[in-house]
């Protein structure tokens, strides 16, 4: 991943002296820590924890579908020990909840804060004022050489 000069402001609210960071990454790249303030970090973490609620609901629906439809395809379903069945169903709920929470975090937190485009390479921020600060701090790296360039 290219090295960028990140302005010393919160990428979300432009607060000075951000105390935290939020990692953004593209597939197959190292994460880039984007500076954010303590308040924004707390807000984003709370939002990410809330994404587990729809994840658990989707996981429960998936587990119920397994209980409903598996006997039609697996004739020995009624001979599965209850402990193994319950463990498997809890694993389904957990995996689906985790996947759903990660998908929502990626779409509704990470991508709204910033996205890394490795093919360019550049970072696109959701906050337009921070984007302008970032562009100015990285003019040479981004290929913008100003009005004097030939």
C-alpha atoms as a PDB file:
ATOM      1  CA  UNK A   1       0.000   0.000   0.000  1.00  0.00           C
ATOM      2  CA  UNK A   2       1.241   3.464  -0.785  1.00  0.00           C
ATOM      3  CA  UNK A   3       2.266   5.658   2.103  1.00  0.00           C
ATOM      4  CA  UNK A   4      -0.009   8.658   2.529  1.00  0.00           C
ATOM      5  CA  UNK A   5       0.284  11.811   4.578  1.00  0.00           C
ATOM      6  CA  UNK A   6      -2.842  11.849   6.709  1.00  0.00           C
ATOM      7  CA  UNK A   7      -3.840  15.244   8.154  1.00  0.00           C
ATOM      8  CA  UNK A   8      -3.764  15.405  11.961  1.00  0.00           C
ATOM      9  CA  UNK A   9      -7.520  15.856  12.206  1.00  0.00           C
ATOM     10  CA  UNK A  10     -10.442  13.511  12.735  1.00  0.00           C
ATOM     11  CA  UNK A  11     -11.419  12.117   9.334  1.00  0.00           C
ATOM     12  CA  UNK A  12     -15.062  12.141  10.426  1.00  0.00           C
ATOM     13  CA  UNK A  13     -15.621  15.458  12.272  1.00  0.00           C
ATOM     14  CA  UNK A  14     -12.329  17.353  11.666  1.00  0.00           C
ATOM     15  CA  UNK A  15     -11.573  17.622  15.389  1.00  0.00           C
ATOM     16  CA  UNK A  16      -7.961  18.567  16.067  1.00  0.00           C
ATOM     17  CA  UNK A  17      -5.494  16.076  17.531  1.00  0.00           C
ATOM     18  CA  UNK A  18      -7.331  12.794  16.979  1.00  0.00           C
ATOM     19  CA  UNK A  19      -6.575  10.298  19.735  1.00  0.00           C
ATOM     20  CA  UNK A  20      -7.684   7.105  17.956  1.00  0.00           C
ATOM     21  CA  UNK A  21      -7.563   5.502  14.526  1.00  0.00           C
ATOM     22  CA  UNK A  22      -9.861   3.348  12.409  1.00  0.00           C
ATOM     23  CA  UNK A  23      -8.347   0.801  10.040  1.00  0.00           C
ATOM     24  CA  UNK A  24      -9.444   0.763   6.424  1.00  0.00           C
ATOM     25  CA  UNK A  25      -8.195  -1.759   3.922  1.00  0.00           C
ATOM     26  CA  UNK A  26      -8.744  -3.185   0.499  1.00  0.00           C
ATOM     27  CA  UNK A  27      -8.612  -6.889  -0.222  1.00  0.00           C
ATOM     28  CA  UNK A  28      -5.064  -8.148  -0.048  1.00  0.00           C
ATOM     29  CA  UNK A  29      -3.615  -4.939   1.398  1.00  0.00           C
ATOM     30  CA  UNK A  30      -2.332  -3.897   4.772  1.00  0.00           C
ATOM     31  CA  UNK A  31      -4.737  -1.788   6.830  1.00  0.00           C
ATOM     32  CA  UNK A  32      -4.279   1.978   6.824  1.00  0.00           C
ATOM     33  CA  UNK A  33      -5.024   3.639  10.175  1.00  0.00           C
ATOM     34  CA  UNK A  34      -7.229   6.673   9.557  1.00  0.00           C
ATOM     35  CA  UNK A  35      -7.135   9.241  12.403  1.00  0.00           C
ATOM     36  CA  UNK A  36     -10.378   9.841  14.290  1.00  0.00           C
ATOM     37  CA  UNK A  37     -11.202  11.505  17.578  1.00  0.00           C
ATOM     38  CA  UNK A  38     -12.211   9.685  20.752  1.00  0.00           C
ATOM     39  CA  UNK A  39     -15.900  10.650  20.383  1.00  0.00           C
ATOM     40  CA  UNK A  40     -16.134   9.426  16.775  1.00  0.00           C
ATOM     41  CA  UNK A  41     -14.269   6.219  17.638  1.00  0.00           C
ATOM     42  CA  UNK A  42     -16.770   5.507  20.408  1.00  0.00           C
ATOM     43  CA  UNK A  43     -19.694   6.248  18.086  1.00  0.00           C
ATOM     44  CA  UNK A  44     -18.364   3.914  15.379  1.00  0.00           C
ATOM     45  CA  UNK A  45     -17.686   1.115  17.892  1.00  0.00           C
ATOM     46  CA  UNK A  46     -21.231   1.392  19.303  1.00  0.00           C
ATOM     47  CA  UNK A  47     -22.661   1.281  15.791  1.00  0.00           C
ATOM     48  CA  UNK A  48     -20.614  -1.839  15.010  1.00  0.00           C
ATOM     49  CA  UNK A  49     -21.857  -3.561  18.172  1.00  0.00           C
ATOM     50  CA  UNK A  50     -25.457  -2.783  17.183  1.00  0.00           C
ATOM     51  CA  UNK A  51     -24.900  -4.620  13.880  1.00  0.00           C
ATOM     52  CA  UNK A  52     -24.804  -7.867  15.844  1.00  0.00           C
ATOM     53  CA  UNK A  53     -28.548  -7.552  16.565  1.00  0.00           C
ATOM     54  CA  UNK A  54     -29.715  -8.034  12.965  1.00  0.00           C
ATOM     55  CA  UNK A  55     -26.937 -10.596  12.617  1.00  0.00           C
ATOM     56  CA  UNK A  56     -28.357 -12.718  15.416  1.00  0.00           C
ATOM     57  CA  UNK A  57     -31.851 -12.445  13.909  1.00  0.00           C
ATOM     58  CA  UNK A  58     -30.584 -13.545  10.486  1.00  0.00           C
ATOM     59  CA  UNK A  59     -28.597 -16.342  12.164  1.00  0.00           C
ATOM     60  CA  UNK A  60     -31.667 -17.535  14.060  1.00  0.00           C
ATOM     61  CA  UNK A  61     -33.672 -17.593  10.833  1.00  0.00           C
ATOM     62  CA  UNK A  62     -30.899 -19.603   9.175  1.00  0.00           C
ATOM     63  CA  UNK A  63     -30.803 -22.078  12.079  1.00  0.00           C
ATOM     64  CA  UNK A  64     -34.589 -22.432  11.985  1.00  0.00           C
ATOM     65  CA  UNK A  65     -34.410 -23.129   8.239  1.00  0.00           C
ATOM     66  CA  UNK A  66     -31.844 -25.862   8.893  1.00  0.00           C
ATOM     67  CA  UNK A  67     -34.106 -27.460  11.523  1.00  0.00           C
ATOM     68  CA  UNK A  68     -37.094 -27.190   9.201  1.00  0.00           C
ATOM     69  CA  UNK A  69     -35.527 -28.403   5.950  1.00  0.00           C
ATOM     70  CA  UNK A  70     -32.677 -30.710   7.007  1.00  0.00           C
ATOM     71  CA  UNK A  71     -34.975 -33.645   7.923  1.00  0.00           C
ATOM     72  CA  UNK A  72     -36.246 -33.674   4.329  1.00  0.00           C
ATOM     73  CA  UNK A  73     -32.730 -34.258   2.982  1.00  0.00           C
ATOM     74  CA  UNK A  74     -31.100 -36.119   5.856  1.00  0.00           C
ATOM     75  CA  UNK A  75     -33.253 -39.089   6.902  1.00  0.00           C
ATOM     76  CA  UNK A  76     -31.213 -39.807  10.045  1.00  0.00           C
ATOM     77  CA  UNK A  77     -31.872 -36.306  11.392  1.00  0.00           C
ATOM     78  CA  UNK A  78     -33.892 -37.597  14.356  1.00  0.00           C
ATOM     79  CA  UNK A  79     -30.907 -39.721  15.474  1.00  0.00           C
ATOM     80  CA  UNK A  80     -28.561 -36.735  15.854  1.00  0.00           C
ATOM     81  CA  UNK A  81     -27.771 -36.264  19.564  1.00  0.00           C
ATOM     82  CA  UNK A  82     -29.392 -33.128  20.958  1.00  0.00           C
ATOM     83  CA  UNK A  83     -26.066 -31.727  22.211  1.00  0.00           C
ATOM     84  CA  UNK A  84     -24.519 -31.983  18.730  1.00  0.00           C
ATOM     85  CA  UNK A  85     -27.620 -30.507  17.094  1.00  0.00           C
ATOM     86  CA  UNK A  86     -27.694 -27.590  19.548  1.00  0.00           C
ATOM     87  CA  UNK A  87     -23.952 -27.003  19.122  1.00  0.00           C
ATOM     88  CA  UNK A  88     -24.327 -26.995  15.348  1.00  0.00           C
ATOM     89  CA  UNK A  89     -27.259 -24.597  15.492  1.00  0.00           C
ATOM     90  CA  UNK A  90     -25.379 -22.258  17.825  1.00  0.00           C
ATOM     91  CA  UNK A  91     -22.424 -22.362  15.432  1.00  0.00           C
ATOM     92  CA  UNK A  92     -24.735 -21.460  12.535  1.00  0.00           C
ATOM     93  CA  UNK A  93     -26.235 -18.561  14.488  1.00  0.00           C
ATOM     94  CA  UNK A  94     -22.776 -17.340  15.504  1.00  0.00           C
ATOM     95  CA  UNK A  95     -21.224 -17.555  12.054  1.00  0.00           C
ATOM     96  CA  UNK A  96     -24.164 -15.932  10.306  1.00  0.00           C
ATOM     97  CA  UNK A  97     -24.357 -13.199  12.983  1.00  0.00           C
ATOM     98  CA  UNK A  98     -20.633 -12.495  12.628  1.00  0.00           C
ATOM     99  CA  UNK A  99     -20.832 -12.428   8.820  1.00  0.00           C
ATOM    100  CA  UNK A 100     -23.841 -10.136   8.848  1.00  0.00           C
ATOM    101  CA  UNK A 101     -22.230  -7.782  11.385  1.00  0.00           C
ATOM    102  CA  UNK A 102     -19.011  -7.661   9.322  1.00  0.00           C
ATOM    103  CA  UNK A 103     -20.924  -6.977   6.110  1.00  0.00           C
ATOM    104  CA  UNK A 104     -22.892  -4.163   7.751  1.00  0.00           C
ATOM    105  CA  UNK A 105     -19.717  -2.737   9.345  1.00  0.00           C
ATOM    106  CA  UNK A 106     -17.959  -2.719   6.012  1.00  0.00           C
ATOM    107  CA  UNK A 107     -20.869  -1.135   4.147  1.00  0.00           C
ATOM    108  CA  UNK A 108     -22.187   1.293   6.767  1.00  0.00           C
ATOM    109  CA  UNK A 109     -19.083   2.281   8.726  1.00  0.00           C
ATOM    110  CA  UNK A 110     -15.845   1.622   6.870  1.00  0.00           C
ATOM    111  CA  UNK A 111     -17.012   2.594   3.381  1.00  0.00           C
ATOM    112  CA  UNK A 112     -18.712   5.742   4.654  1.00  0.00           C
ATOM    113  CA  UNK A 113     -15.580   6.795   6.558  1.00  0.00           C
ATOM    114  CA  UNK A 114     -13.036   6.028   3.839  1.00  0.00           C
ATOM    115  CA  UNK A 115     -12.290   3.589   1.044  1.00  0.00           C
ATOM    116  CA  UNK A 116      -8.877   2.625  -0.233  1.00  0.00           C
ATOM    117  CA  UNK A 117      -8.570   2.186  -3.985  1.00  0.00           C
ATOM    118  CA  UNK A 118      -5.357   0.230  -4.578  1.00  0.00           C
ATOM    119  CA  UNK A 119      -5.606   0.433  -8.374  1.00  0.00           C
ATOM    120  CA  UNK A 120      -5.251   4.260  -8.299  1.00  0.00           C
ATOM    121  CA  UNK A 121      -3.713   4.259  -5.440  1.00  0.00           C
ATOM    122  CA  UNK A 122      -5.748   6.696  -3.358  1.00  0.00           C
ATOM    123  CA  UNK A 123      -8.063   6.998  -0.392  1.00  0.00           C
ATOM    124  CA  UNK A 124     -11.529   8.454  -0.824  1.00  0.00           C
ATOM    125  CA  UNK A 125     -12.999   9.946   2.355  1.00  0.00           C
ATOM    126  CA  UNK A 126     -16.672  10.427   3.133  1.00  0.00           C
ATOM    127  CA  UNK A 127     -15.932  13.819   4.706  1.00  0.00           C
ATOM    128  CA  UNK A 128     -15.307  16.195   1.787  1.00  0.00           C
ATOM    129  CA  UNK A 129     -13.451  18.748   3.923  1.00  0.00           C
ATOM    130  CA  UNK A 130     -11.074  16.043   5.154  1.00  0.00           C
ATOM    131  CA  UNK A 131     -10.703  14.851   1.545  1.00  0.00           C
ATOM    132  CA  UNK A 132      -9.544  18.338   0.554  1.00  0.00           C
ATOM    133  CA  UNK A 133      -7.011  18.380   3.421  1.00  0.00           C
ATOM    134  CA  UNK A 134      -5.820  14.905   2.430  1.00  0.00           C
ATOM    135  CA  UNK A 135      -5.485  15.881  -1.240  1.00  0.00           C
ATOM    136  CA  UNK A 136      -3.404  18.951  -0.324  1.00  0.00           C
ATOM    137  CA  UNK A 137      -1.157  16.877   1.969  1.00  0.00           C
ATOM    138  CA  UNK A 138      -0.596  14.310  -0.791  1.00  0.00           C
ATOM    139  CA  UNK A 139      -0.431  16.462  -3.947  1.00  0.00           C
ATOM    140  CA  UNK A 140       2.776  14.939  -5.238  1.00  0.00           C
ATOM    141  CA  UNK A 141       1.841  11.339  -4.367  1.00  0.00           C
ATOM    142  CA  UNK A 142      -1.564  11.706  -6.031  1.00  0.00           C
ATOM    143  CA  UNK A 143      -0.083  13.187  -9.225  1.00  0.00           C
ATOM    144  CA  UNK A 144      -1.429  16.721  -8.733  1.00  0.00           C
ATOM    145  CA  UNK A 145       1.496  18.994  -9.329  1.00  0.00           C
ATOM    146  CA  UNK A 146      -0.464  22.236  -9.420  1.00  0.00           C
ATOM    147  CA  UNK A 147      -0.698  24.929 -12.104  1.00  0.00           C
ATOM    148  CA  UNK A 148       3.081  25.146 -12.616  1.00  0.00           C
ATOM    149  CA  UNK A 149       3.461  21.526 -13.824  1.00  0.00           C
ATOM    150  CA  UNK A 150       4.261  20.956 -17.483  1.00  0.00           C
END
